[in-house]
Amino acid sequence: MPRFFITGSDAFRENDTFPIVGEDALHITRSLRMRPGEKLTVCDEGGVEYDTEIYDITGAENVVVKVLSAKKSENEPPYKCTVYQALVKGDRFDTVLQKSVELGAAEIVPVITSRCMVKLEPKDYARKTERWQKIVSEAAKQCGRARIPVVREPMPFESAVEESAGTTLPLFCYEGEGTLPLSRYTSEVREIESAAVMIGPEGGYSSEEALYAKKHGMLMTGLGRRILRTETAPLFVLSCLSLTYEL
């Protein structure tokens, strides 16, 4: 069933009607060619899923739907996980965005590290972030999320570390010395409210960055005997978190 998102968290009851407007309405009327009586799922910012049917179409950009039933979505993880991904070349960052959404990330933050091969000017942040947010929104619709994860503007490495350290499970994924296996941390922390997953660029973190992270309370985490690509690492960690804390 097609899935759409609305802003606001006003609760709707059975037989209430409300509009879907703008690009989503255009998608319903022109791309999907839906008509009154056809059904779709609508999610609000409160994590509520509404089973609805199209009640009326008053224009290409205005579709009125009627609520058939409502329920709290069970598709969101019971914790908030933010992926702090170092900027990477090509479409690999797009892959991280899309798959992180599928695996339950609540936020994705691009991070500027010393070894990043991608250089972005601050004037380009808003344009890039808007494009990334569209990728995330489409992924959320496709995989049945109840909320659309947020892509934030690029952040300096030090700021990302300081922010991450305040979560319940602040994971700094590092292939150097001084790490403990991910399973060691997840076995010791049986319940989490929040998690941070910090992933370095193609060339990894510098030793200075690793030291900075350790001094600020990050959990130095190894991801096994094989070296994972930068776009693979966050997906591996998110899968492990889902298995431990969600499934």
Protein backbone atom coordinates (compact mmCIF):
# COMPACT_ATOMS: atom_id res chain seq x y z
CA MET A 1 0.00 0.00 0.00
CA PRO A 2 1.44 3.45 -0.87
CA ARG A 3 2.82 5.30 2.16
CA PHE A 4 2.95 9.04 2.77
CA PHE A 5 3.96 11.32 5.63
CA ILE A 6 2.29 14.42 7.03
CA THR A 7 3.71 17.08 9.32
CA GLY A 8 2.19 17.69 12.71
CA SER A 9 1.02 15.23 15.33
CA ASP A 10 -2.67 16.07 15.65
CA ALA A 11 -4.54 12.84 16.34
CA PHE A 12 -7.18 11.86 13.81
CA ARG A 13 -10.05 9.54 14.57
CA GLU A 14 -12.01 7.12 12.44
CA ASN A 15 -13.96 8.90 9.67
CA ASP A 16 -11.97 12.15 10.09
CA THR A 17 -10.76 13.67 6.85
CA PHE A 18 -7.59 15.65 6.14
CA PRO A 19 -5.71 16.83 3.04
CA ILE A 20 -2.51 15.65 1.41
CA VAL A 21 -1.03 18.47 -0.64
CA GLY A 22 1.95 19.44 -2.77
CA GLU A 23 4.38 16.90 -4.22
CA ASP A 24 2.76 13.96 -2.44
CA ALA A 25 -0.63 14.87 -3.89
CA LEU A 26 0.93 15.13 -7.34
CA HIS A 27 2.48 11.71 -6.87
CA ILE A 28 -0.91 10.27 -5.91
CA THR A 29 -2.84 11.86 -8.78
CA ARG A 30 -0.33 11.86 -11.63
CA SER A 31 2.23 9.11 -10.97
CA LEU A 32 0.06 6.55 -9.17
CA ARG A 33 -3.15 7.71 -10.89
CA MET A 34 -5.17 6.88 -7.79
CA ARG A 35 -8.86 7.63 -7.56
CA PRO A 36 -11.45 8.13 -4.77
CA GLY A 37 -12.01 4.91 -2.87
CA GLU A 38 -8.43 3.65 -3.21
CA LYS A 39 -6.46 3.08 -0.03
CA LEU A 40 -3.12 4.37 1.24
CA THR A 41 -1.17 4.61 4.51
CA VAL A 42 -0.37 7.97 6.09
CA CYS A 43 2.06 8.48 9.00
CA ASP A 44 2.33 11.51 11.24
CA GLU A 45 5.23 12.87 13.27
CA GLY A 46 3.91 11.14 16.38
CA GLY A 47 4.56 7.71 14.88
CA VAL A 48 0.88 6.95 14.24
CA GLU A 49 -0.12 5.06 11.10
CA TYR A 50 -3.48 5.81 9.53
CA ASP A 51 -5.13 3.43 7.12
CA THR A 52 -7.04 5.77 4.84
CA GLU A 53 -8.94 5.89 1.59
CA ILE A 54 -9.12 8.73 -0.87
CA TYR A 55 -12.29 10.68 -0.12
CA ASP A 56 -12.00 13.41 -2.73
CA ILE A 57 -9.55 14.91 -5.20
CA THR A 58 -10.07 18.64 -5.50
CA GLY A 59 -7.06 19.31 -7.72
CA ALA A 60 -3.77 17.79 -8.80
CA GLU A 61 -2.13 19.09 -5.61
CA ASN A 62 -4.93 18.48 -3.12
CA VAL A 63 -6.10 15.02 -2.14
CA VAL A 64 -8.53 14.55 0.75
CA VAL A 65 -8.35 11.23 2.59
CA LYS A 66 -10.67 9.66 5.17
CA VAL A 67 -9.36 7.72 8.17
CA LEU A 68 -10.43 4.09 8.30
CA SER A 69 -8.33 3.13 11.32
CA ALA A 70 -5.31 4.29 13.30
CA LYS A 71 -2.59 2.58 15.31
CA LYS A 72 0.80 3.26 16.81
CA SER A 73 3.41 2.05 14.39
CA GLU A 74 5.56 -0.92 15.38
CA ASN A 75 8.10 -0.24 12.64
CA GLU A 76 10.42 2.04 14.62
CA PRO A 77 13.29 0.80 16.81
CA PRO A 78 12.87 1.24 20.59
CA TYR A 79 15.97 3.46 20.62
CA LYS A 80 17.25 6.47 18.70
CA CYS A 81 20.38 5.80 16.69
CA THR A 82 22.35 8.52 14.94
CA VAL A 83 24.89 7.60 12.27
CA TYR A 84 27.84 9.99 12.07
CA GLN A 85 29.28 9.12 8.67
CA ALA A 86 32.46 10.74 7.35
CA LEU A 87 31.92 12.23 3.92
CA VAL A 88 32.85 9.78 1.16
CA LYS A 89 33.23 9.96 -2.60
CA GLY A 90 30.70 9.25 -5.32
CA ASP A 91 27.35 7.67 -4.62
CA ARG A 92 28.56 5.76 -1.57
CA PHE A 93 27.15 8.35 0.79
CA ASP A 94 23.78 7.91 -0.96
CA THR A 95 24.03 4.19 -0.22
CA VAL A 96 24.74 4.88 3.46
CA LEU A 97 21.70 7.16 3.63
CA GLN A 98 19.32 4.73 1.99
CA LYS A 99 20.40 1.61 3.82
CA SER A 100 20.74 3.32 7.19
CA VAL A 101 17.09 4.32 6.93
CA GLU A 102 16.11 0.75 6.13
CA LEU A 103 18.05 -0.47 9.16
CA GLY A 104 16.46 1.94 11.63
CA ALA A 105 18.68 5.03 11.91
CA ALA A 106 16.85 8.08 13.23
CA GLU A 107 19.42 10.61 12.03
CA ILE A 108 22.37 10.68 9.66
CA VAL A 109 25.06 13.33 10.15
CA PRO A 110 27.81 13.91 7.56
CA VAL A 111 31.11 14.43 9.35
CA ILE A 112 34.22 16.26 8.16
CA THR A 113 37.37 14.42 9.24
CA SER A 114 41.04 15.02 8.56
CA ARG A 115 41.24 12.29 5.91
CA CYS A 116 38.00 13.04 4.06
CA MET A 117 38.58 13.03 0.32
CA VAL A 118 35.38 14.99 -0.25
CA LYS A 119 35.65 18.72 0.25
CA LEU A 120 32.45 20.70 0.61
CA GLU A 121 32.17 24.45 0.89
CA PRO A 122 29.80 25.71 3.59
CA LYS A 123 27.79 27.50 0.90
CA ASP A 124 26.95 24.07 -0.57
CA TYR A 125 25.72 22.52 2.67
CA ALA A 126 22.05 23.48 2.32
CA ARG A 127 21.79 22.28 -1.29
CA LYS A 128 23.49 18.97 -0.54
CA THR A 129 21.44 18.39 2.59
CA GLU A 130 18.20 19.00 0.72
CA ARG A 131 19.16 16.37 -1.85
CA TRP A 132 20.18 13.89 0.85
CA GLN A 133 16.92 14.45 2.70
CA LYS A 134 14.95 13.50 -0.43
CA ILE A 135 16.87 10.23 -0.64
CA VAL A 136 16.06 9.51 3.00
CA SER A 137 12.38 10.39 2.57
CA GLU A 138 12.00 8.01 -0.37
CA ALA A 139 13.77 5.24 1.53
CA ALA A 140 11.49 5.76 4.54
CA LYS A 141 8.40 5.39 2.35
CA GLN A 142 9.75 2.30 0.62
CA CYS A 143 10.70 0.37 3.75
CA GLY A 144 7.65 1.23 5.87
CA ARG A 145 9.15 3.57 8.44
CA ALA A 146 6.75 5.47 10.69
CA ARG A 147 8.95 8.57 10.75
CA ILE A 148 11.23 10.18 8.23
CA PRO A 149 14.82 10.21 9.55
CA VAL A 150 16.64 13.53 9.49
CA VAL A 151 19.80 14.35 7.54
CA ARG A 152 21.69 17.18 9.17
CA GLU A 153 24.24 19.53 7.66
CA PRO A 154 27.92 18.48 7.71
CA MET A 155 29.57 18.74 11.12
CA PRO A 156 33.22 19.00 12.20
CA PHE A 157 34.72 15.84 13.68
CA GLU A 158 35.23 17.33 17.16
CA SER A 159 31.60 18.46 17.38
CA ALA A 160 30.39 15.04 16.29
CA VAL A 161 32.44 13.33 19.00
CA GLU A 162 31.23 15.66 21.73
CA GLU A 163 27.62 15.18 20.67
CA SER A 164 27.94 11.40 20.32
CA ALA A 165 29.50 10.97 23.75
CA GLY A 166 26.21 11.96 25.36
CA THR A 167 24.32 8.91 24.08
CA THR A 168 23.75 5.65 25.93
CA LEU A 169 25.97 3.71 23.52
CA PRO A 170 28.57 5.99 21.84
CA LEU A 171 30.36 3.71 19.36
CA PHE A 172 33.56 4.86 17.67
CA CYS A 173 34.31 2.31 14.96
CA TYR A 174 38.06 2.02 14.59
CA GLU A 175 40.40 -0.52 13.03
CA GLY A 176 43.42 0.47 15.12
CA GLU A 177 44.65 -0.76 18.48
CA GLY A 178 42.87 -0.34 21.78
CA THR A 179 39.41 -1.48 20.68
CA LEU A 180 37.00 -4.01 22.11
CA PRO A 181 34.60 -6.13 20.04
CA LEU A 182 31.16 -4.64 19.43
CA SER A 183 29.61 -7.67 21.14
CA ARG A 184 31.46 -6.81 24.35
CA TYR A 185 29.68 -3.47 24.60
CA THR A 186 26.24 -4.71 23.56
CA SER A 187 26.43 -7.57 26.07
CA GLU A 188 27.27 -5.16 28.90
CA VAL A 189 24.62 -2.57 27.98
CA ARG A 190 21.38 -4.52 27.74
CA GLU A 191 18.98 -1.61 27.18
CA ILE A 192 19.60 1.66 25.39
CA GLU A 193 17.66 4.85 24.79
CA SER A 194 20.10 6.24 22.27
CA ALA A 195 23.15 5.21 20.31
CA ALA A 196 25.76 6.92 18.14
CA VAL A 197 27.69 5.15 15.40
CA MET A 198 30.78 7.03 14.20
CA ILE A 199 32.28 5.83 10.92
CA GLY A 200 35.50 7.13 9.35
CA PRO A 201 36.28 7.90 5.70
CA GLU A 202 38.01 5.70 3.10
CA GLY A 203 41.39 6.22 4.75
CA GLY A 204 40.10 5.71 8.28
CA TYR A 205 40.56 7.96 11.29
CA SER A 206 43.90 9.44 12.19
CA SER A 207 45.51 8.37 15.47
CA GLU A 208 44.92 11.91 16.77
CA GLU A 209 41.21 11.64 16.06
CA ALA A 210 41.03 8.25 17.76
CA LEU A 211 42.75 9.67 20.83
CA TYR A 212 40.36 12.63 20.89
CA ALA A 213 37.38 10.28 20.73
CA LYS A 214 38.70 8.08 23.51
CA LYS A 215 39.39 11.05 25.79
CA HIS A 216 35.82 12.24 25.30
CA GLY A 217 34.28 8.95 26.39
CA MET A 218 33.61 7.20 23.09
CA LEU A 219 33.61 3.39 23.11
CA MET A 220 36.44 2.25 20.86
CA THR A 221 34.83 -0.50 18.83
CA GLY A 222 36.26 -3.16 16.54
CA LEU A 223 34.05 -4.69 13.86
CA GLY A 224 35.70 -8.07 13.42
CA ARG A 225 38.77 -9.43 11.71
CA ARG A 226 38.00 -8.07 8.26
CA ILE A 227 38.32 -4.43 7.25
CA LEU A 228 34.92 -3.13 6.17
CA ARG A 229 34.46 -0.43 3.57
CA THR A 230 33.26 2.88 4.93
CA GLU A 231 29.81 2.40 3.38
CA THR A 232 29.54 -1.15 4.78
CA ALA A 233 30.52 -0.41 8.37
CA PRO A 234 27.44 1.58 9.48
CA LEU A 235 25.12 -1.04 8.00
CA PHE A 236 26.95 -3.79 9.86
CA VAL A 237 26.65 -1.92 13.18
CA LEU A 238 23.00 -1.00 12.65
CA SER A 239 22.20 -4.64 11.92
CA CYS A 240 23.95 -5.73 15.12
CA LEU A 241 22.05 -3.14 17.15
CA SER A 242 18.74 -4.24 15.65
CA LEU A 243 19.45 -7.88 16.46
CA THR A 244 20.43 -7.05 20.04
CA TYR A 245 17.93 -4.39 21.03
CA GLU A 246 15.00 -4.73 18.63
CA LEU A 247 14.59 -8.29 17.41
